[in-house]
Protein backbone atom coordinates (compact mmCIF):
# COMPACT_ATOMS: atom_id res chain seq x y z
CA MET A 1 110.60 75.13 137.34
CA GLY A 2 111.55 78.30 139.18
CA ILE A 3 110.84 80.49 142.17
CA VAL A 4 110.51 84.27 142.31
CA LEU A 5 111.02 85.50 145.86
CA ARG A 6 108.97 88.59 146.69
CA LYS A 7 110.37 88.97 150.21
CA LYS A 8 113.85 88.77 151.70
CA VAL A 9 114.86 87.27 155.04
CA GLY A 10 113.78 89.68 157.76
CA ASP A 11 111.18 91.54 155.67
CA ALA A 12 107.81 92.16 157.30
CA VAL A 13 104.99 89.99 155.92
CA ARG A 14 101.29 90.71 156.29
CA SER A 15 98.60 88.05 156.30
CA GLY A 16 97.69 87.10 152.73
CA GLU A 17 100.76 88.75 151.24
CA THR A 18 102.71 86.89 148.54
CA VAL A 19 106.21 85.88 149.64
CA ALA A 20 107.10 83.76 146.60
CA VAL A 21 105.77 82.77 143.18
CA LEU A 22 106.34 79.19 142.09
CA HIS A 23 106.62 78.41 138.35
CA VAL A 24 106.31 74.80 137.19
CA ASN A 25 106.38 73.24 133.75
CA ARG A 26 104.85 69.92 134.82
CA GLU A 27 101.57 69.98 136.69
CA ASP A 28 102.25 66.54 138.19
CA ARG A 29 105.15 68.04 140.19
CA LEU A 30 103.24 71.08 141.46
CA LEU A 31 102.14 69.67 144.83
CA GLU A 32 105.60 68.37 145.72
CA ALA A 33 107.23 71.66 144.70
CA ARG A 34 104.65 73.64 146.70
CA ASP A 35 105.19 71.50 149.80
CA ARG A 36 108.97 71.89 149.58
CA LEU A 37 108.67 75.64 149.14
CA LEU A 38 106.31 76.00 152.11
CA ALA A 39 108.65 73.89 154.28
CA ALA A 40 111.53 76.25 153.45
CA PHE A 41 109.82 79.27 155.05
CA GLU A 42 109.42 80.14 158.70
CA ILE A 43 107.38 83.23 159.50
CA GLY A 44 107.37 84.56 163.04
CA PRO A 45 107.22 87.71 165.15
CA VAL A 46 111.01 88.04 165.66
CA LYS A 47 113.47 89.04 162.93
CA PRO A 48 116.12 86.36 162.40
CA LYS A 49 119.77 87.16 163.00
CA VAL A 50 121.73 88.17 159.91
CA ARG A 51 123.70 85.29 158.42
CA PRO A 52 126.52 85.62 155.89
CA LEU A 53 125.66 85.02 152.24
CA VAL A 54 129.00 83.31 151.54
CA PHE A 55 130.37 80.68 153.91
CA GLY A 56 133.49 79.76 151.99
CA ILE A 57 135.41 79.73 148.73
CA VAL A 58 136.17 76.52 146.85
CA THR A 59 139.41 76.44 144.82
CA LYS A 60 141.57 73.68 143.36
CA GLU A 61 143.67 73.87 146.54
CA GLY A 62 140.66 73.22 148.78
CA ILE A 63 138.03 75.11 150.77
CA GLN A 64 138.68 78.43 152.47
CA ARG A 65 136.03 78.87 155.18
CA LEU A 66 134.91 82.46 155.74
CA ALA A 67 132.35 81.93 158.48
């Protein structure tokens, strides 16, 4: 199973445009995977604020929070 994202956070999306391609190797899991993928997206008229890609670093000494 895998996902190919065609759009990034903040990209403009037109009606009918593909934002992601879902690949599954078991047809019986397709509907659940599709529903989870759709629930992960929120499309609206306002660009979201930029969030950091890395929130922290985990080492053997502990967690160093960056954001």
